[in-house]
N, C-alpha and C. Protein backbone atom coordinates (compact mmCIF):
# COMPACT_ATOMS: atom_id res chain seq x y z
N MET A 1 0.83 -1.21 0.00
CA MET A 1 0.00 0.00 0.00
C MET A 1 0.87 1.27 0.00
N TYR A 2 1.98 1.21 0.70
CA TYR A 2 2.85 2.39 0.83
C TYR A 2 3.34 2.86 -0.54
N GLU A 3 3.80 1.93 -1.37
CA GLU A 3 4.32 2.30 -2.69
C GLU A 3 3.23 2.88 -3.60
N TRP A 4 2.02 2.35 -3.50
CA TRP A 4 0.89 2.90 -4.27
C TRP A 4 0.57 4.32 -3.81
N MET A 5 0.63 4.54 -2.51
CA MET A 5 0.36 5.90 -1.99
C MET A 5 1.47 6.86 -2.41
N LYS A 6 2.70 6.37 -2.46
CA LYS A 6 3.81 7.21 -2.90
C LYS A 6 3.61 7.61 -4.37
N ALA A 7 3.20 6.64 -5.19
CA ALA A 7 2.93 6.94 -6.60
C ALA A 7 1.80 7.96 -6.73
N LEU A 8 0.73 7.77 -5.98
CA LEU A 8 -0.38 8.72 -5.99
C LEU A 8 0.08 10.11 -5.55
N HIS A 9 0.91 10.14 -4.52
CA HIS A 9 1.43 11.41 -4.01
C HIS A 9 2.25 12.13 -5.08
N VAL A 10 3.12 11.42 -5.76
CA VAL A 10 3.96 12.03 -6.81
C VAL A 10 3.09 12.54 -7.96
N ILE A 11 2.10 11.76 -8.37
CA ILE A 11 1.19 12.19 -9.44
C ILE A 11 0.44 13.46 -9.03
N ALA A 12 -0.04 13.48 -7.80
CA ALA A 12 -0.78 14.65 -7.31
C ALA A 12 0.13 15.88 -7.21
N VAL A 13 1.36 15.68 -6.75
CA VAL A 13 2.30 16.80 -6.65
C VAL A 13 2.59 17.37 -8.04
N ILE A 14 2.81 16.50 -9.01
CA ILE A 14 3.07 16.97 -10.38
C ILE A 14 1.88 17.78 -10.90
N SER A 15 0.68 17.29 -10.66
CA SER A 15 -0.53 18.00 -11.11
C SER A 15 -0.67 19.34 -10.40
N TRP A 16 -0.44 19.34 -9.09
CA TRP A 16 -0.55 20.57 -8.30
C TRP A 16 0.46 21.60 -8.80
N MET A 17 1.70 21.16 -8.98
CA MET A 17 2.73 22.10 -9.41
C MET A 17 2.49 22.60 -10.83
N ALA A 18 1.99 21.74 -11.71
CA ALA A 18 1.69 22.19 -13.07
C ALA A 18 0.70 23.35 -13.02
N GLY A 19 -0.34 23.19 -12.23
CA GLY A 19 -1.33 24.26 -12.10
C GLY A 19 -0.77 25.49 -11.43
N MET A 20 0.05 25.29 -10.40
CA MET A 20 0.62 26.42 -9.67
C MET A 20 1.62 27.21 -10.52
N LEU A 21 2.19 26.56 -11.51
CA LEU A 21 3.11 27.26 -12.42
C LEU A 21 2.35 27.93 -13.56
N TYR A 22 1.23 27.38 -13.95
CA TYR A 22 0.47 27.91 -15.08
C TYR A 22 -0.46 29.07 -14.68
N LEU A 23 -1.08 28.96 -13.53
CA LEU A 23 -2.08 29.97 -13.13
C LEU A 23 -1.52 31.39 -13.09
N PRO A 24 -0.36 31.64 -12.49
CA PRO A 24 0.15 33.02 -12.51
C PRO A 24 0.49 33.52 -13.92
N ARG A 25 0.82 32.60 -14.84
CA ARG A 25 1.02 33.02 -16.23
C ARG A 25 -0.29 33.51 -16.82
N LEU A 26 -1.38 32.81 -16.49
CA LEU A 26 -2.69 33.29 -16.94
C LEU A 26 -2.98 34.67 -16.36
N PHE A 27 -2.59 34.89 -15.11
CA PHE A 27 -2.79 36.21 -14.49
C PHE A 27 -2.04 37.30 -15.26
N VAL A 28 -0.82 36.99 -15.69
CA VAL A 28 -0.03 37.96 -16.46
C VAL A 28 -0.80 38.37 -17.71
N TYR A 29 -1.30 37.39 -18.45
CA TYR A 29 -2.03 37.69 -19.68
C TYR A 29 -3.37 38.34 -19.39
N HIS A 30 -4.00 37.95 -18.29
CA HIS A 30 -5.31 38.51 -17.93
C HIS A 30 -5.17 40.00 -17.61
N CYS A 31 -4.07 40.38 -16.97
CA CYS A 31 -3.82 41.80 -16.67
C CYS A 31 -3.83 42.65 -17.92
N GLU A 32 -3.40 42.08 -19.01
CA GLU A 32 -3.27 42.82 -20.26
C GLU A 32 -4.59 42.89 -21.03
N ALA A 33 -5.60 42.14 -20.58
CA ALA A 33 -6.91 42.16 -21.25
C ALA A 33 -7.79 43.24 -20.62
N GLU A 34 -8.55 43.87 -21.44
CA GLU A 34 -9.48 44.91 -20.99
C GLU A 34 -10.60 44.26 -20.16
N PRO A 35 -10.84 44.77 -18.92
CA PRO A 35 -11.93 44.20 -18.11
C PRO A 35 -13.26 44.21 -18.88
N GLY A 36 -13.96 43.10 -18.82
CA GLY A 36 -15.24 42.98 -19.50
C GLY A 36 -15.14 42.52 -20.95
N SER A 37 -13.91 42.49 -21.48
CA SER A 37 -13.73 42.06 -22.87
C SER A 37 -13.92 40.55 -22.98
N LYS A 38 -14.10 40.11 -24.22
CA LYS A 38 -14.24 38.67 -24.45
C LYS A 38 -13.00 37.93 -23.97
N GLN A 39 -11.84 38.51 -24.22
CA GLN A 39 -10.58 37.90 -23.79
C GLN A 39 -10.52 37.79 -22.26
N SER A 40 -10.91 38.84 -21.56
CA SER A 40 -10.93 38.82 -20.10
C SER A 40 -11.88 37.75 -19.58
N GLU A 41 -13.04 37.64 -20.19
CA GLU A 41 -14.03 36.64 -19.76
C GLU A 41 -13.52 35.22 -20.02
N THR A 42 -12.77 35.04 -21.10
CA THR A 42 -12.17 33.73 -21.39
C THR A 42 -11.14 33.37 -20.33
N PHE A 43 -10.30 34.35 -19.94
CA PHE A 43 -9.32 34.09 -18.88
C PHE A 43 -10.00 33.74 -17.57
N LYS A 44 -11.11 34.38 -17.26
CA LYS A 44 -11.85 34.06 -16.03
C LYS A 44 -12.27 32.59 -16.01
N VAL A 45 -12.78 32.11 -17.13
CA VAL A 45 -13.20 30.70 -17.22
C VAL A 45 -11.98 29.79 -17.09
N MET A 46 -10.91 30.11 -17.79
CA MET A 46 -9.70 29.27 -17.74
C MET A 46 -9.14 29.21 -16.32
N GLU A 47 -9.06 30.35 -15.65
CA GLU A 47 -8.52 30.40 -14.29
C GLU A 47 -9.38 29.61 -13.32
N ARG A 48 -10.68 29.80 -13.41
CA ARG A 48 -11.60 29.10 -12.51
C ARG A 48 -11.53 27.59 -12.72
N ARG A 49 -11.54 27.16 -13.96
CA ARG A 49 -11.49 25.72 -14.26
C ARG A 49 -10.17 25.10 -13.82
N LEU A 50 -9.07 25.80 -14.07
CA LEU A 50 -7.76 25.31 -13.65
C LEU A 50 -7.72 25.15 -12.14
N LEU A 51 -8.22 26.15 -11.43
CA LEU A 51 -8.20 26.11 -9.97
C LEU A 51 -9.12 25.01 -9.43
N LYS A 52 -10.35 24.98 -9.90
CA LYS A 52 -11.36 24.06 -9.34
C LYS A 52 -11.18 22.62 -9.80
N ALA A 53 -10.77 22.41 -11.05
CA ALA A 53 -10.72 21.05 -11.60
C ALA A 53 -9.35 20.39 -11.45
N ILE A 54 -8.29 21.19 -11.32
CA ILE A 54 -6.96 20.59 -11.26
C ILE A 54 -6.22 20.95 -9.96
N ILE A 55 -6.03 22.24 -9.73
CA ILE A 55 -5.16 22.66 -8.63
C ILE A 55 -5.74 22.26 -7.26
N ASN A 56 -6.99 22.58 -7.00
CA ASN A 56 -7.58 22.25 -5.69
C ASN A 56 -7.60 20.74 -5.43
N PRO A 57 -8.14 19.93 -6.35
CA PRO A 57 -8.13 18.48 -6.08
C PRO A 57 -6.71 17.92 -5.93
N ALA A 58 -5.78 18.40 -6.74
CA ALA A 58 -4.40 17.90 -6.67
C ALA A 58 -3.77 18.25 -5.32
N MET A 59 -4.04 19.45 -4.81
CA MET A 59 -3.50 19.81 -3.50
C MET A 59 -4.09 18.91 -2.40
N ILE A 60 -5.38 18.66 -2.47
CA ILE A 60 -6.03 17.82 -1.46
C ILE A 60 -5.44 16.41 -1.48
N VAL A 61 -5.29 15.83 -2.66
CA VAL A 61 -4.72 14.47 -2.76
C VAL A 61 -3.25 14.49 -2.31
N THR A 62 -2.52 15.53 -2.67
CA THR A 62 -1.12 15.65 -2.22
C THR A 62 -1.05 15.62 -0.71
N TRP A 63 -1.88 16.41 -0.06
CA TRP A 63 -1.87 16.47 1.40
C TRP A 63 -2.28 15.14 2.03
N LEU A 64 -3.36 14.56 1.53
CA LEU A 64 -3.84 13.30 2.12
C LEU A 64 -2.83 12.17 1.95
N ALA A 65 -2.32 12.01 0.74
CA ALA A 65 -1.33 10.96 0.49
C ALA A 65 -0.04 11.25 1.26
N GLY A 66 0.36 12.51 1.30
CA GLY A 66 1.58 12.88 2.02
C GLY A 66 1.48 12.63 3.51
N LEU A 67 0.34 12.95 4.10
CA LEU A 67 0.15 12.68 5.53
C LEU A 67 0.18 11.18 5.81
N TYR A 68 -0.43 10.40 4.92
CA TYR A 68 -0.37 8.94 5.07
C TYR A 68 1.09 8.47 5.04
N LEU A 69 1.85 8.94 4.05
CA LEU A 69 3.24 8.53 3.91
C LEU A 69 4.07 8.93 5.13
N ALA A 70 3.82 10.13 5.64
CA ALA A 70 4.56 10.59 6.83
C ALA A 70 4.26 9.70 8.03
N TRP A 71 3.02 9.29 8.16
CA TRP A 71 2.63 8.43 9.27
C TRP A 71 3.14 7.01 9.05
N ALA A 72 2.86 6.43 7.88
CA ALA A 72 3.21 5.03 7.62
C ALA A 72 4.73 4.82 7.59
N GLY A 73 5.46 5.79 7.12
CA GLY A 73 6.92 5.67 7.06
C GLY A 73 7.63 6.24 8.27
N ALA A 74 6.86 6.75 9.22
CA ALA A 74 7.40 7.40 10.43
C ALA A 74 8.34 8.56 10.09
N TRP A 75 8.09 9.19 8.95
CA TRP A 75 8.92 10.33 8.53
C TRP A 75 8.67 11.55 9.41
N TYR A 76 7.53 11.61 10.08
CA TYR A 76 7.20 12.76 10.92
C TYR A 76 8.22 12.97 12.05
N LYS A 77 9.08 12.00 12.28
CA LYS A 77 10.12 12.10 13.30
C LYS A 77 11.40 12.75 12.77
N SER A 78 11.51 12.87 11.46
CA SER A 78 12.76 13.31 10.82
C SER A 78 12.82 14.83 10.67
N PRO A 79 13.98 15.43 10.97
CA PRO A 79 14.12 16.88 10.81
C PRO A 79 13.90 17.37 9.38
N TRP A 80 14.36 16.60 8.37
CA TRP A 80 14.16 17.03 6.99
C TRP A 80 12.67 17.13 6.69
N PHE A 81 11.88 16.22 7.28
CA PHE A 81 10.43 16.24 7.05
C PHE A 81 9.81 17.50 7.67
N HIS A 82 10.29 17.91 8.82
CA HIS A 82 9.77 19.13 9.46
C HIS A 82 10.01 20.34 8.56
N ALA A 83 11.21 20.41 7.98
CA ALA A 83 11.52 21.50 7.05
C ALA A 83 10.62 21.43 5.82
N LYS A 84 10.44 20.22 5.30
CA LYS A 84 9.58 20.04 4.13
C LYS A 84 8.16 20.47 4.45
N LEU A 85 7.67 20.09 5.61
CA LEU A 85 6.31 20.43 6.01
C LEU A 85 6.12 21.95 6.07
N VAL A 86 7.11 22.66 6.59
CA VAL A 86 7.03 24.13 6.62
C VAL A 86 6.93 24.69 5.21
N LEU A 87 7.74 24.17 4.30
CA LEU A 87 7.70 24.66 2.91
C LEU A 87 6.39 24.30 2.23
N VAL A 88 5.84 23.12 2.50
CA VAL A 88 4.56 22.73 1.90
C VAL A 88 3.43 23.59 2.48
N LEU A 89 3.52 23.93 3.75
CA LEU A 89 2.53 24.85 4.33
C LEU A 89 2.61 26.21 3.64
N PHE A 90 3.83 26.67 3.40
CA PHE A 90 4.01 27.94 2.70
C PHE A 90 3.46 27.86 1.27
N LEU A 91 3.73 26.74 0.58
CA LEU A 91 3.19 26.54 -0.77
C LEU A 91 1.66 26.53 -0.74
N SER A 92 1.09 25.94 0.29
CA SER A 92 -0.37 25.95 0.44
C SER A 92 -0.89 27.37 0.65
N GLY A 93 -0.12 28.19 1.35
CA GLY A 93 -0.48 29.60 1.50
C GLY A 93 -0.45 30.34 0.18
N VAL A 94 0.55 30.04 -0.64
CA VAL A 94 0.62 30.62 -1.99
C VAL A 94 -0.60 30.19 -2.78
N HIS A 95 -0.96 28.93 -2.66
CA HIS A 95 -2.17 28.42 -3.31
C HIS A 95 -3.39 29.24 -2.87
N GLY A 96 -3.48 29.51 -1.58
CA GLY A 96 -4.59 30.33 -1.07
C GLY A 96 -4.59 31.73 -1.67
N ALA A 97 -3.41 32.32 -1.80
CA ALA A 97 -3.31 33.64 -2.43
C ALA A 97 -3.77 33.58 -3.88
N PHE A 98 -3.35 32.55 -4.60
CA PHE A 98 -3.78 32.38 -5.98
C PHE A 98 -5.30 32.27 -6.06
N SER A 99 -5.89 31.54 -5.14
CA SER A 99 -7.36 31.40 -5.11
C SER A 99 -8.02 32.76 -4.91
N ARG A 100 -7.46 33.55 -4.03
CA ARG A 100 -7.99 34.90 -3.78
C ARG A 100 -7.87 35.75 -5.04
N TRP A 101 -6.76 35.64 -5.74
CA TRP A 101 -6.56 36.46 -6.94
C TRP A 101 -7.49 36.03 -8.06
N VAL A 102 -7.82 34.75 -8.13
CA VAL A 102 -8.82 34.30 -9.11
C VAL A 102 -10.15 35.00 -8.82
N LYS A 103 -10.51 35.09 -7.55
CA LYS A 103 -11.76 35.79 -7.18
C LYS A 103 -11.68 37.27 -7.54
N ASP A 104 -10.51 37.88 -7.32
CA ASP A 104 -10.34 39.30 -7.67
C ASP A 104 -10.50 39.51 -9.17
N PHE A 105 -9.88 38.66 -9.98
CA PHE A 105 -10.03 38.78 -11.43
C PHE A 105 -11.47 38.55 -11.86
N THR A 106 -12.14 37.57 -11.22
CA THR A 106 -13.52 37.27 -11.55
C THR A 106 -14.42 38.49 -11.34
N ALA A 107 -14.12 39.24 -10.28
CA ALA A 107 -14.91 40.44 -9.97
C ALA A 107 -14.33 41.70 -10.60
N ASP A 108 -13.36 41.56 -11.51
CA ASP A 108 -12.69 42.71 -12.14
C ASP A 108 -12.11 43.66 -11.11
N ARG A 109 -11.50 43.09 -10.05
CA ARG A 109 -10.90 43.90 -8.98
C ARG A 109 -9.39 43.72 -8.88
N ASN A 110 -8.75 43.20 -9.91
CA ASN A 110 -7.30 43.03 -9.83
C ASN A 110 -6.62 44.39 -9.76
N THR A 111 -5.68 44.52 -8.83
CA THR A 111 -4.93 45.77 -8.68
C THR A 111 -3.44 45.57 -8.91
N ARG A 112 -3.05 44.35 -9.28
CA ARG A 112 -1.63 44.05 -9.43
C ARG A 112 -1.23 44.09 -10.91
N SER A 113 0.07 44.29 -11.11
CA SER A 113 0.60 44.44 -12.47
C SER A 113 1.04 43.10 -13.03
N PRO A 114 1.21 43.04 -14.36
CA PRO A 114 1.78 41.82 -14.96
C PRO A 114 3.16 41.49 -14.37
N LYS A 115 3.95 42.53 -14.08
CA LYS A 115 5.29 42.31 -13.50
C LYS A 115 5.18 41.59 -12.15
N PHE A 116 4.21 41.98 -11.32
CA PHE A 116 3.99 41.32 -10.03
C PHE A 116 3.77 39.82 -10.24
N TYR A 117 2.89 39.48 -11.18
CA TYR A 117 2.58 38.07 -11.42
C TYR A 117 3.74 37.32 -12.04
N ARG A 118 4.56 37.99 -12.84
CA ARG A 118 5.76 37.35 -13.39
C ARG A 118 6.73 36.98 -12.27
N ILE A 119 6.87 37.88 -11.31
CA ILE A 119 7.76 37.62 -10.17
C ILE A 119 7.18 36.53 -9.27
N ILE A 120 5.91 36.64 -8.95
CA ILE A 120 5.26 35.68 -8.06
C ILE A 120 5.23 34.29 -8.68
N ASN A 121 5.29 34.22 -10.00
CA ASN A 121 5.30 32.94 -10.70
C ASN A 121 6.53 32.11 -10.33
N GLU A 122 7.59 32.75 -9.88
CA GLU A 122 8.81 32.03 -9.52
C GLU A 122 8.73 31.38 -8.14
N LEU A 123 7.84 31.86 -7.30
CA LEU A 123 7.75 31.36 -5.92
C LEU A 123 7.44 29.87 -5.85
N PRO A 124 6.43 29.35 -6.55
CA PRO A 124 6.20 27.90 -6.49
C PRO A 124 7.40 27.10 -7.00
N THR A 125 8.12 27.63 -7.99
CA THR A 125 9.29 26.94 -8.52
C THR A 125 10.37 26.81 -7.45
N VAL A 126 10.66 27.90 -6.78
CA VAL A 126 11.70 27.90 -5.74
C VAL A 126 11.31 26.95 -4.60
N LEU A 127 10.06 27.02 -4.17
CA LEU A 127 9.59 26.12 -3.11
C LEU A 127 9.70 24.66 -3.55
N MET A 128 9.30 24.38 -4.77
CA MET A 128 9.37 23.01 -5.29
C MET A 128 10.81 22.50 -5.28
N ILE A 129 11.75 23.31 -5.70
CA ILE A 129 13.16 22.90 -5.73
C ILE A 129 13.63 22.50 -4.34
N PHE A 130 13.35 23.33 -3.34
CA PHE A 130 13.79 23.03 -1.98
C PHE A 130 13.07 21.81 -1.41
N ILE A 131 11.79 21.67 -1.72
CA ILE A 131 11.03 20.52 -1.23
C ILE A 131 11.60 19.23 -1.82
N VAL A 132 11.85 19.22 -3.12
CA VAL A 132 12.40 18.02 -3.77
C VAL A 132 13.78 17.68 -3.20
N ILE A 133 14.61 18.67 -2.99
CA ILE A 133 15.93 18.42 -2.40
C ILE A 133 15.79 17.80 -1.02
N LEU A 134 14.89 18.32 -0.21
CA LEU A 134 14.69 17.76 1.13
C LEU A 134 14.23 16.30 1.07
N VAL A 135 13.31 16.00 0.15
CA VAL A 135 12.78 14.64 0.05
C VAL A 135 13.82 13.66 -0.49
N ILE A 136 14.56 14.05 -1.50
CA ILE A 136 15.50 13.13 -2.14
C ILE A 136 16.81 13.03 -1.36
N VAL A 137 17.39 14.16 -0.99
CA VAL A 137 18.70 14.17 -0.35
C VAL A 137 18.60 13.90 1.16
N LYS A 138 17.50 14.36 1.77
CA LYS A 138 17.34 14.24 3.24
C LYS A 138 18.60 14.72 3.94
N PRO A 139 18.93 16.01 3.78
CA PRO A 139 20.22 16.52 4.25
C PRO A 139 20.40 16.54 5.75
N PHE A 140 19.32 16.41 6.50
CA PHE A 140 19.44 16.38 7.97
C PHE A 140 18.29 15.60 8.56
């Protein structure tokens, strides 16, 4: 069962990260669309569907499978796991911010620039790099 849960966890993480890397790119392009335009309305649908159909379910499965693995493998005792958990909590907070920004775009209330979203797009990447290093290398 453990190996199946690990496979499920990896699949869910890949799906979550794909969405977390794509959604801020949509925000960049959405900023450039005139509010109320056909293009803006299309971005609203794309952002909502990406969040609701891929990112949210993938995060939930990632967390559930990850908690099982931490318990079944007794990883919750390891210092590297504590560091990973902090980073995953932070990534979940970024996910929450993205969800809020989808709502802002939906209501035509975005106040941020394309440059902001280009910069914020790097945050999930950096977190992912450190999380993967912690899981694979287990440096402490």
